[in-house]
Amino acid sequence: MEKTLLPFGCQMMSYMQAVRLFTDYLNGDTYYKIQYPEHNLVRTKAQIRLLEEQDKVLEQMKIIISRYERS
């Protein structure tokens, strides 16, 4: 059962990181170290893009994972 949730887990981690980075950006960049003022916003956009790419290959991820399921 856990194996079938791996693709969802990948997406959830990307989503959660995007939310954390964006929240930190909105709160004045107090948690994550930044190199420039918009750094966490750029990181947020990168995580969202990653999530979009993961969504495009979700079915492929499921097929790959299903190969390792017990019959």
N, C-alpha and C. Protein backbone atom coordinates (compact mmCIF):
# COMPACT_ATOMS: atom_id res chain seq x y z
N MET A 1 0.81 -1.20 0.00
CA MET A 1 0.00 0.00 0.00
C MET A 1 0.86 1.27 0.00
N GLU A 2 1.90 1.29 0.85
CA GLU A 2 2.72 2.49 0.94
C GLU A 2 3.39 2.82 -0.39
N LYS A 3 3.79 1.79 -1.12
CA LYS A 3 4.46 2.02 -2.40
C LYS A 3 3.56 2.76 -3.37
N THR A 4 2.29 2.47 -3.35
CA THR A 4 1.37 3.13 -4.29
C THR A 4 1.23 4.62 -3.98
N LEU A 5 1.56 5.02 -2.77
CA LEU A 5 1.45 6.42 -2.37
C LEU A 5 2.73 7.23 -2.63
N LEU A 6 3.78 6.59 -3.11
CA LEU A 6 5.03 7.30 -3.36
C LEU A 6 4.88 8.46 -4.35
N PRO A 7 4.20 8.29 -5.48
CA PRO A 7 4.03 9.44 -6.38
C PRO A 7 3.30 10.62 -5.70
N PHE A 8 2.26 10.30 -4.94
CA PHE A 8 1.55 11.34 -4.20
C PHE A 8 2.47 11.99 -3.18
N GLY A 9 3.31 11.18 -2.53
CA GLY A 9 4.26 11.71 -1.55
C GLY A 9 5.24 12.70 -2.17
N CYS A 10 5.69 12.40 -3.37
CA CYS A 10 6.59 13.32 -4.07
C CYS A 10 5.90 14.66 -4.29
N GLN A 11 4.68 14.60 -4.74
CA GLN A 11 3.92 15.83 -4.99
C GLN A 11 3.65 16.59 -3.69
N MET A 12 3.29 15.86 -2.66
CA MET A 12 2.98 16.50 -1.38
C MET A 12 4.20 17.21 -0.81
N MET A 13 5.38 16.59 -0.92
CA MET A 13 6.60 17.23 -0.41
C MET A 13 6.89 18.53 -1.17
N SER A 14 6.72 18.51 -2.48
CA SER A 14 6.95 19.72 -3.27
C SER A 14 5.95 20.80 -2.91
N TYR A 15 4.70 20.41 -2.73
CA TYR A 15 3.65 21.36 -2.35
C TYR A 15 3.94 21.97 -0.98
N MET A 16 4.27 21.11 -0.01
CA MET A 16 4.53 21.60 1.34
C MET A 16 5.73 22.55 1.36
N GLN A 17 6.77 22.22 0.59
CA GLN A 17 7.94 23.09 0.56
C GLN A 17 7.60 24.43 -0.08
N ALA A 18 6.77 24.41 -1.11
CA ALA A 18 6.35 25.67 -1.75
C ALA A 18 5.59 26.54 -0.75
N VAL A 19 4.70 25.92 0.01
CA VAL A 19 3.93 26.67 1.01
C VAL A 19 4.84 27.24 2.09
N ARG A 20 5.80 26.44 2.55
CA ARG A 20 6.72 26.90 3.59
C ARG A 20 7.57 28.07 3.10
N LEU A 21 8.10 27.93 1.90
CA LEU A 21 8.94 29.00 1.34
C LEU A 21 8.14 30.28 1.12
N PHE A 22 6.93 30.13 0.60
CA PHE A 22 6.11 31.31 0.35
C PHE A 22 5.69 31.98 1.66
N THR A 23 5.36 31.17 2.65
CA THR A 23 5.00 31.72 3.96
C THR A 23 6.17 32.48 4.55
N ASP A 24 7.36 31.91 4.43
CA ASP A 24 8.55 32.60 4.95
C ASP A 24 8.76 33.91 4.20
N TYR A 25 8.58 33.90 2.90
CA TYR A 25 8.71 35.12 2.11
C TYR A 25 7.72 36.18 2.59
N LEU A 26 6.47 35.78 2.81
CA LEU A 26 5.44 36.72 3.27
C LEU A 26 5.71 37.24 4.68
N ASN A 27 6.36 36.40 5.49
CA ASN A 27 6.65 36.78 6.88
C ASN A 27 7.98 37.50 7.04
N GLY A 28 8.60 37.88 5.95
CA GLY A 28 9.84 38.64 6.05
C GLY A 28 11.12 37.83 6.04
N ASP A 29 11.05 36.61 5.53
CA ASP A 29 12.24 35.76 5.38
C ASP A 29 12.97 35.54 6.70
N THR A 30 12.26 35.03 7.67
CA THR A 30 12.84 34.85 9.00
C THR A 30 13.33 33.42 9.25
N TYR A 31 12.92 32.45 8.45
CA TYR A 31 13.29 31.06 8.71
C TYR A 31 14.41 30.59 7.78
N TYR A 32 14.20 30.68 6.48
CA TYR A 32 15.21 30.23 5.51
C TYR A 32 16.20 31.35 5.21
N LYS A 33 17.47 31.00 5.17
CA LYS A 33 18.50 31.98 4.83
C LYS A 33 18.33 32.36 3.36
N ILE A 34 18.45 33.64 3.09
CA ILE A 34 18.30 34.12 1.72
C ILE A 34 19.56 34.84 1.26
N GLN A 35 19.74 34.88 -0.04
CA GLN A 35 20.88 35.57 -0.63
C GLN A 35 20.49 36.93 -1.20
N TYR A 36 19.20 37.13 -1.47
CA TYR A 36 18.69 38.39 -2.01
C TYR A 36 17.21 38.48 -1.66
N PRO A 37 16.61 39.66 -1.71
CA PRO A 37 15.25 39.87 -1.20
C PRO A 37 14.16 38.95 -1.77
N GLU A 38 14.23 38.56 -3.01
CA GLU A 38 13.18 37.73 -3.61
C GLU A 38 13.54 36.25 -3.63
N HIS A 39 14.57 35.85 -2.92
CA HIS A 39 15.09 34.49 -2.99
C HIS A 39 14.02 33.45 -2.66
N ASN A 40 13.29 33.63 -1.59
CA ASN A 40 12.27 32.65 -1.23
C ASN A 40 11.10 32.64 -2.21
N LEU A 41 10.83 33.75 -2.84
CA LEU A 41 9.79 33.78 -3.86
C LEU A 41 10.25 32.98 -5.09
N VAL A 42 11.50 33.13 -5.46
CA VAL A 42 12.06 32.36 -6.58
C VAL A 42 12.03 30.87 -6.24
N ARG A 43 12.39 30.53 -5.02
CA ARG A 43 12.36 29.14 -4.58
C ARG A 43 10.93 28.59 -4.62
N THR A 44 9.98 29.41 -4.20
CA THR A 44 8.58 29.00 -4.23
C THR A 44 8.15 28.66 -5.65
N LYS A 45 8.49 29.53 -6.58
CA LYS A 45 8.12 29.31 -7.98
C LYS A 45 8.78 28.05 -8.53
N ALA A 46 10.01 27.78 -8.11
CA ALA A 46 10.70 26.56 -8.55
C ALA A 46 9.99 25.31 -8.03
N GLN A 47 9.53 25.36 -6.78
CA GLN A 47 8.81 24.22 -6.22
C GLN A 47 7.48 24.00 -6.92
N ILE A 48 6.81 25.08 -7.25
CA ILE A 48 5.54 24.97 -7.97
C ILE A 48 5.78 24.38 -9.36
N ARG A 49 6.84 24.81 -10.01
CA ARG A 49 7.19 24.25 -11.33
C ARG A 49 7.50 22.77 -11.21
N LEU A 50 8.22 22.38 -10.17
CA LEU A 50 8.51 20.97 -9.92
C LEU A 50 7.21 20.19 -9.74
N LEU A 51 6.29 20.73 -8.99
CA LEU A 51 4.99 20.09 -8.78
C LEU A 51 4.25 19.92 -10.10
N GLU A 52 4.30 20.93 -10.95
CA GLU A 52 3.66 20.84 -12.27
C GLU A 52 4.29 19.73 -13.11
N GLU A 53 5.61 19.64 -13.05
CA GLU A 53 6.30 18.59 -13.81
C GLU A 53 5.97 17.21 -13.25
N GLN A 54 5.88 17.10 -11.94
CA GLN A 54 5.52 15.83 -11.32
C GLN A 54 4.11 15.42 -11.74
N ASP A 55 3.24 16.40 -11.84
CA ASP A 55 1.87 16.12 -12.26
C ASP A 55 1.83 15.56 -13.69
N LYS A 56 2.70 16.07 -14.54
CA LYS A 56 2.75 15.60 -15.93
C LYS A 56 3.18 14.14 -16.03
N VAL A 57 4.01 13.69 -15.12
CA VAL A 57 4.53 12.32 -15.18
C VAL A 57 3.94 11.42 -14.09
N LEU A 58 2.85 11.86 -13.49
CA LEU A 58 2.24 11.10 -12.40
C LEU A 58 1.90 9.67 -12.82
N GLU A 59 1.28 9.52 -13.97
CA GLU A 59 0.92 8.17 -14.42
C GLU A 59 2.15 7.32 -14.66
N GLN A 60 3.20 7.90 -15.20
CA GLN A 60 4.44 7.16 -15.40
C GLN A 60 5.03 6.72 -14.07
N MET A 61 4.99 7.60 -13.07
CA MET A 61 5.49 7.24 -11.75
C MET A 61 4.68 6.08 -11.18
N LYS A 62 3.37 6.11 -11.36
CA LYS A 62 2.52 5.03 -10.86
C LYS A 62 2.85 3.71 -11.54
N ILE A 63 3.10 3.75 -12.84
CA ILE A 63 3.45 2.53 -13.58
C ILE A 63 4.76 1.96 -13.08
N ILE A 64 5.74 2.83 -12.88
CA ILE A 64 7.04 2.37 -12.39
C ILE A 64 6.90 1.74 -11.01
N ILE A 65 6.17 2.38 -10.13
CA ILE A 65 5.97 1.86 -8.78
C ILE A 65 5.22 0.53 -8.82
N SER A 66 4.25 0.42 -9.71
CA SER A 66 3.44 -0.81 -9.76
C SER A 66 4.29 -2.01 -10.14
N ARG A 67 5.40 -1.82 -10.81
CA ARG A 67 6.30 -2.92 -11.16
C ARG A 67 6.91 -3.57 -9.92
N TYR A 68 6.93 -2.85 -8.82
CA TYR A 68 7.55 -3.36 -7.60
C TYR A 68 6.53 -3.78 -6.55
N GLU A 69 5.27 -3.80 -6.93
CA GLU A 69 4.21 -4.25 -6.02
C GLU A 69 4.23 -5.78 -5.94
N ARG A 70 3.88 -6.28 -4.82
CA ARG A 70 3.73 -7.73 -4.68
C ARG A 70 2.43 -8.15 -5.34
N SER A 71 2.44 -9.27 -5.98
CA SER A 71 1.24 -9.76 -6.65
C SER A 71 0.27 -10.36 -5.67
